[in-house]
Each structure stands twice: as C-alpha cells, then as structure tokens.
Protein backbone atom coordinates (compact mmCIF):
# COMPACT_ATOMS: atom_id res chain seq x y z
CA UNK A 1 -23.89 -79.51 11.74
CA UNK A 2 -21.36 -76.72 11.14
CA UNK A 3 -20.47 -73.94 13.51
CA UNK A 4 -21.87 -70.42 12.93
CA UNK A 5 -18.87 -68.88 11.21
CA UNK A 6 -18.73 -67.16 7.80
CA UNK A 7 -15.96 -69.43 6.49
CA UNK A 8 -17.80 -72.67 7.36
CA UNK A 9 -20.98 -71.49 5.66
CA UNK A 10 -19.07 -70.34 2.61
CA UNK A 11 -17.26 -73.62 2.15
CA UNK A 12 -20.51 -75.64 2.51
CA UNK A 13 -22.26 -73.26 0.07
CA UNK A 14 -19.47 -73.73 -2.51
CA UNK A 15 -19.82 -77.53 -2.29
CA UNK A 16 -23.57 -77.20 -2.83
CA UNK A 17 -23.01 -74.72 -5.63
CA UNK A 18 -20.61 -77.06 -7.53
CA UNK A 19 -23.06 -79.96 -6.97
CA UNK A 20 -26.06 -78.04 -8.30
CA UNK A 21 -24.46 -76.09 -11.24
CA UNK A 22 -21.33 -78.07 -12.15
CA UNK A 23 -19.28 -74.82 -11.90
CA UNK A 24 -16.01 -75.31 -9.90
CA UNK A 25 -13.92 -72.55 -11.42
CA UNK A 26 -12.05 -70.40 -8.97
CA UNK A 27 -12.70 -67.27 -11.06
CA UNK A 28 -16.42 -67.75 -11.12
CA UNK A 29 -17.18 -67.70 -7.39
CA UNK A 30 -18.83 -64.29 -7.83
CA UNK A 31 -21.87 -66.11 -9.18
CA UNK A 32 -22.30 -67.61 -5.73
CA UNK A 33 -21.19 -64.75 -3.47
CA UNK A 34 -22.46 -61.78 -5.40
CA UNK A 35 -25.84 -63.10 -6.38
CA UNK A 36 -27.45 -59.69 -6.86
CA UNK A 37 -24.63 -58.01 -8.86
CA UNK A 38 -22.78 -61.08 -10.28
CA UNK A 39 -19.60 -59.17 -9.66
CA UNK A 40 -16.57 -61.43 -10.44
CA UNK A 41 -14.73 -63.01 -7.54
CA UNK A 42 -11.60 -65.18 -7.37
CA UNK A 43 -11.56 -67.83 -4.65
CA UNK A 44 -9.39 -70.96 -4.74
CA UNK A 45 -11.64 -73.98 -5.15
CA UNK A 46 -9.23 -76.95 -5.24
CA UNK A 47 -10.38 -78.00 -1.77
CA UNK A 48 -14.08 -77.62 -2.63
CA UNK A 49 -13.67 -79.49 -5.95
CA UNK A 50 -12.26 -82.48 -4.06
CA UNK A 51 -15.11 -82.33 -1.60
CA UNK A 52 -17.76 -82.02 -4.25
CA UNK A 53 -16.37 -85.05 -6.04
CA UNK A 54 -16.51 -86.97 -2.77
CA UNK A 55 -20.07 -85.74 -2.27
CA UNK A 56 -21.22 -87.07 -5.65
CA UNK A 57 -19.27 -90.34 -5.33
CA UNK A 58 -20.46 -91.19 -1.85
CA UNK A 59 -23.94 -89.62 -2.12
CA UNK A 60 -23.36 -87.27 0.79
CA UNK A 61 -24.92 -83.97 1.81
CA UNK A 62 -22.70 -80.86 1.39
CA UNK A 63 -22.17 -80.67 5.18
CA UNK A 64 -21.25 -84.31 5.47
CA UNK A 65 -18.78 -84.15 2.56
CA UNK A 66 -17.35 -80.95 4.09
CA UNK A 67 -16.84 -82.61 7.48
CA UNK A 68 -15.02 -85.58 5.91
CA UNK A 69 -12.94 -83.49 3.51
CA UNK A 70 -11.89 -80.86 6.07
CA UNK A 71 -10.48 -83.57 8.39
CA UNK A 72 -9.25 -86.34 6.08
CA UNK A 73 -7.63 -84.25 3.29
CA UNK A 74 -5.20 -82.25 5.49
CA UNK A 75 -4.54 -85.24 7.77
CA UNK A 76 -3.47 -87.52 4.87
CA UNK A 77 -1.61 -84.65 3.19
CA UNK A 78 0.30 -83.78 6.41
CA UNK A 79 1.34 -87.42 6.93
CA UNK A 80 2.52 -87.66 3.25
CA UNK A 81 4.36 -84.34 3.56
CA UNK A 82 6.28 -85.42 6.60
CA UNK A 83 7.11 -88.75 5.11
CA UNK A 84 8.40 -87.33 1.83
CA UNK A 85 10.49 -84.62 3.55
CA UNK A 86 12.02 -87.20 5.96
CA UNK A 87 12.85 -89.39 2.96
CA UNK A 88 14.50 -86.51 1.15
CA UNK A 89 16.46 -85.61 4.30
CA UNK A 90 17.81 -89.16 4.69
CA UNK A 91 18.98 -89.03 1.09
CA UNK A 92 18.87 -92.69 0.25
CA UNK A 93 16.55 -95.59 -0.01
CA UNK A 94 16.56 -98.65 2.18
CA UNK A 95 15.65 -99.39 5.80
CA UNK A 96 16.73 -95.99 7.10
CA UNK A 97 14.65 -94.10 4.64
CA UNK A 98 11.68 -96.33 5.22
CA UNK A 99 11.85 -95.83 8.97
CA UNK A 100 12.20 -92.09 8.63
CA UNK A 101 9.28 -91.87 6.28
CA UNK A 102 7.17 -94.04 8.59
CA UNK A 103 7.95 -92.28 11.83
CA UNK A 104 7.89 -88.70 10.56
CA UNK A 105 4.11 -88.39 10.43
CA UNK A 106 3.83 -89.65 13.95
CA UNK A 107 6.44 -87.18 15.15
CA UNK A 108 4.87 -84.06 13.57
CA UNK A 109 1.23 -84.57 14.65
CA UNK A 110 1.78 -83.31 18.18
CA UNK A 111 4.05 -80.38 17.29
CA UNK A 112 2.20 -78.62 14.47
CA UNK A 113 -0.57 -76.26 15.79
CA UNK A 114 -1.44 -74.99 12.30
CA UNK A 115 -4.03 -77.75 11.60
CA UNK A 116 -5.90 -77.34 14.89
CA UNK A 117 -6.01 -73.55 14.84
CA UNK A 118 -7.09 -73.45 11.18
CA UNK A 119 -9.64 -76.19 11.54
CA UNK A 120 -11.18 -74.29 14.47
CA UNK A 121 -11.42 -71.10 12.55
CA UNK A 122 -12.82 -72.72 9.37
CA UNK A 123 -9.71 -71.98 7.26
CA UNK A 124 -9.91 -75.46 5.78
CA UNK A 125 -8.52 -74.79 2.24
CA UNK A 126 -5.50 -73.01 3.71
CA UNK A 127 -4.93 -75.76 6.23
CA UNK A 128 -5.13 -78.37 3.50
CA UNK A 129 -2.69 -76.50 1.27
CA UNK A 130 -0.20 -76.01 4.03
CA UNK A 131 -0.40 -79.68 4.82
CA UNK A 132 0.59 -80.43 1.19
CA UNK A 133 3.73 -78.27 1.01
CA UNK A 134 6.04 -81.20 1.85
CA UNK A 135 4.69 -83.16 -1.09
CA UNK A 136 5.35 -80.44 -3.58
CA UNK A 137 8.69 -79.47 -2.07
CA UNK A 138 9.97 -83.06 -2.03
CA UNK A 139 9.00 -83.46 -5.71
CA UNK A 140 10.89 -80.26 -6.63
CA UNK A 141 13.93 -81.43 -4.68
CA UNK A 142 14.03 -84.66 -6.60
CA UNK A 143 13.88 -83.03 -10.06
CA UNK A 144 17.67 -82.40 -10.36
CA UNK A 145 18.28 -86.14 -9.78
CA UNK A 146 15.42 -87.23 -12.02
CA UNK A 147 14.43 -84.66 -14.65
CA UNK A 148 11.78 -86.95 -16.02
CA UNK A 149 9.80 -85.96 -12.82
CA UNK A 150 9.32 -82.42 -14.09
CA UNK A 151 5.75 -82.86 -15.39
CA UNK A 152 4.61 -84.56 -12.20
CA UNK A 153 6.40 -82.06 -9.96
CA UNK A 154 4.98 -79.16 -11.90
CA UNK A 155 1.45 -80.51 -11.52
CA UNK A 156 2.04 -81.04 -7.79
CA UNK A 157 3.24 -77.50 -7.38
CA UNK A 158 0.20 -76.14 -9.29
CA UNK A 159 -2.05 -78.45 -7.29
CA UNK A 160 -0.94 -76.92 -4.03
CA UNK A 161 -1.65 -73.44 -5.45
CA UNK A 162 -5.09 -74.55 -6.64
CA UNK A 163 -6.00 -75.54 -3.08
CA UNK A 164 -4.76 -72.23 -1.67
CA UNK A 165 -2.12 -69.84 -3.18
CA UNK A 166 -0.76 -68.92 0.26
CA UNK A 167 1.09 -72.25 0.45
CA UNK A 168 3.21 -71.54 -2.63
CA UNK A 169 5.65 -69.19 -0.84
CA UNK A 170 6.14 -71.86 1.86
CA UNK A 171 7.09 -74.48 -0.78
CA UNK A 172 9.49 -71.91 -2.33
CA UNK A 173 11.16 -71.17 1.00
CA UNK A 174 11.65 -74.83 1.80
CA UNK A 175 13.20 -75.62 -1.58
CA UNK A 176 15.34 -72.48 -1.52
CA UNK A 177 16.72 -73.29 1.93
CA UNK A 178 17.38 -76.89 0.91
CA UNK A 179 19.41 -75.76 -2.11
CA UNK A 180 21.27 -73.01 -0.22
CA UNK A 181 22.19 -75.08 2.81
CA UNK A 182 22.78 -78.47 1.04
CA UNK A 183 22.61 -78.70 -2.70
CA UNK A 184 24.85 -75.74 -3.20
CA UNK A 185 27.67 -77.72 -1.53
CA UNK A 186 26.69 -81.15 -2.94
CA UNK A 187 25.34 -80.50 -6.51
CA UNK A 188 23.82 -83.38 -8.57
CA UNK A 189 26.41 -85.16 -10.66
CA UNK A 190 29.37 -84.32 -8.44
CA UNK A 191 29.95 -87.99 -7.68
CA UNK A 192 30.71 -88.81 -11.26
CA UNK A 193 34.39 -88.11 -10.64
CA UNK A 194 35.12 -85.17 -12.96
CA UNK A 195 36.37 -82.06 -11.22
CA UNK A 196 36.96 -78.42 -12.14
CA UNK A 197 35.69 -74.96 -11.28
CA UNK A 198 33.52 -74.47 -14.35
CA UNK A 199 32.04 -77.93 -14.06
CA UNK A 200 31.11 -77.21 -10.46
CA UNK A 201 29.43 -73.92 -11.55
CA UNK A 202 27.58 -75.72 -14.29
CA UNK A 203 26.30 -78.47 -12.01
CA UNK A 204 24.91 -75.92 -9.54
CA UNK A 205 23.38 -73.86 -12.27
CA UNK A 206 21.76 -77.02 -13.79
CA UNK A 207 20.15 -77.91 -10.49
CA UNK A 208 18.67 -74.38 -10.20
CA UNK A 209 17.60 -74.40 -13.85
CA UNK A 210 15.72 -77.71 -13.51
CA UNK A 211 13.98 -76.62 -10.35
CA UNK A 212 13.18 -73.23 -11.85
CA UNK A 213 11.70 -74.71 -15.04
CA UNK A 214 9.52 -76.98 -12.98
CA UNK A 215 8.27 -74.21 -10.78
CA UNK A 216 7.61 -71.91 -13.76
CA UNK A 217 5.66 -74.66 -15.50
CA UNK A 218 3.55 -75.24 -12.47
CA UNK A 219 2.97 -71.55 -12.04
CA UNK A 220 1.99 -71.19 -15.73
CA UNK A 221 -0.81 -73.68 -15.19
CA UNK A 222 -2.30 -71.45 -12.51
CA UNK A 223 -1.44 -68.15 -14.16
CA UNK A 224 -4.97 -67.43 -15.53
CA UNK A 225 -6.51 -67.85 -12.11
CA UNK A 226 -3.76 -65.78 -10.32
CA UNK A 227 -4.02 -62.94 -12.82
CA UNK A 228 -7.73 -62.67 -12.03
CA UNK A 229 -7.03 -62.99 -8.27
CA UNK A 230 -4.32 -60.34 -8.29
CA UNK A 231 -6.83 -57.88 -9.66
CA UNK A 232 -8.88 -58.28 -6.51
CA UNK A 233 -5.93 -57.92 -4.10
CA UNK A 234 -7.32 -54.65 -2.66
CA UNK A 235 -10.65 -56.26 -1.81
CA UNK A 236 -8.89 -59.20 -0.05
CA UNK A 237 -6.72 -56.88 2.05
C-alpha cells in the first residue's frame, strides 16, 4: 500500500502510465495529469522510467515497483556517492583509498536526514537525485586528470538532472568548491616539473575548461526538457 499523499499517488500513476502507454517523456506528463484538457506539463521522469523498467522486468505491480525503487535507488546511489567522494578526497589509489571508499557509506547513513525526510513526504525523485550528486561530482572532478572521461561524466551529469533538476546546483556547488579550495592551488599537470606564471595560469584554465565543457555537454542533453520546464516555472512556484 502507499500512504494517502498526492506525491505518492502521482508517482505510482506515472509508473502505471508508462507501463500502459510506453510514454516516459518528461515533457508529456500533461497527458496523465491534465486528462480533460491535455495541457502540457513538464515533470522529471528519470526515477519513474527506472521504476517502470523494473516493473516490467520483475513483473511487479506499480505499487510494488514504486516501493522497491523508492528505497533501493537512493540507498545504492547514496552509498556510491559517499564512496566516490571519499576516493576523490584521498586523492590516490591503494589501501587508503579503498578503506575510505568502503567506510564512507557507513559513516554518512546516520548523519544525512535528507533521505528520511524526503522519503516520508513522498519526494522520492528528489531524494534519489540528491543521493546521486556525489557520483556526478566525482566524475566531473576526475575529468581534468582523465579527459577521456568527458562523455561518461557528461552523461552522468545529465542523468542526475533527468531524475530531478534540483540536484544539478548541488553538483555545481560541490565541484566549484573543490576547484576553488583545492584544484586552484594544485592544478593538474603541475607535477610535470615545468614552472612559470603563464604555465600555471594555463593549467588552471585548462582544468576549468575541461570541467566546463563536460558540464555544458551534459546540460545540452537535457536542454530540450529544461526549456519546456522553464516555461512552466510560474505554475511550479
């Protein structure tokens, strides 16, 4: 069963709608909510698409798939986020990095009230997206060291936005603070031995450029949806 809240009923209805119609587009949710008028509506459906796929794969009812998705998706994502951020903070591979990545999820479970508050209120897509911010942030942080990660990091950044756009500013703040408080002083490539003022400026600009290109590429993937969603900002507020 699901509790008697609008959000919970809406999420279950979206799963059923996707299962029955095959429509999972975020910009076509008006077909479900505005049945009489068919007025367009933007609503992020990354969470629901995942749940609908699970529903079809495991032959579950919408409520069963929603119960599993709303708990397992943010739980796994939160553990991965904590592990990736700890690994980035350690800054190297080996036993220390492995221990940090392994212990971080255990450490954060008891100190993050976001998951419990948002689960109780039915804000499951938002909770899932916020649980994923560490994955996207860590991927962006690694791009200056490994530019070949740009496509994967861009997809990860877009993926968080597809689950819920509200998590994107959180990723941006984490990466910005990481660069400002660390990478600005220790730019990628500094250890190669060459010195000089202009080289230092170039290395720092290169880090920012690679991260920026990745973020812009990820945002471009979501641009059509966000353009539609921005047109309904007054209704949301």
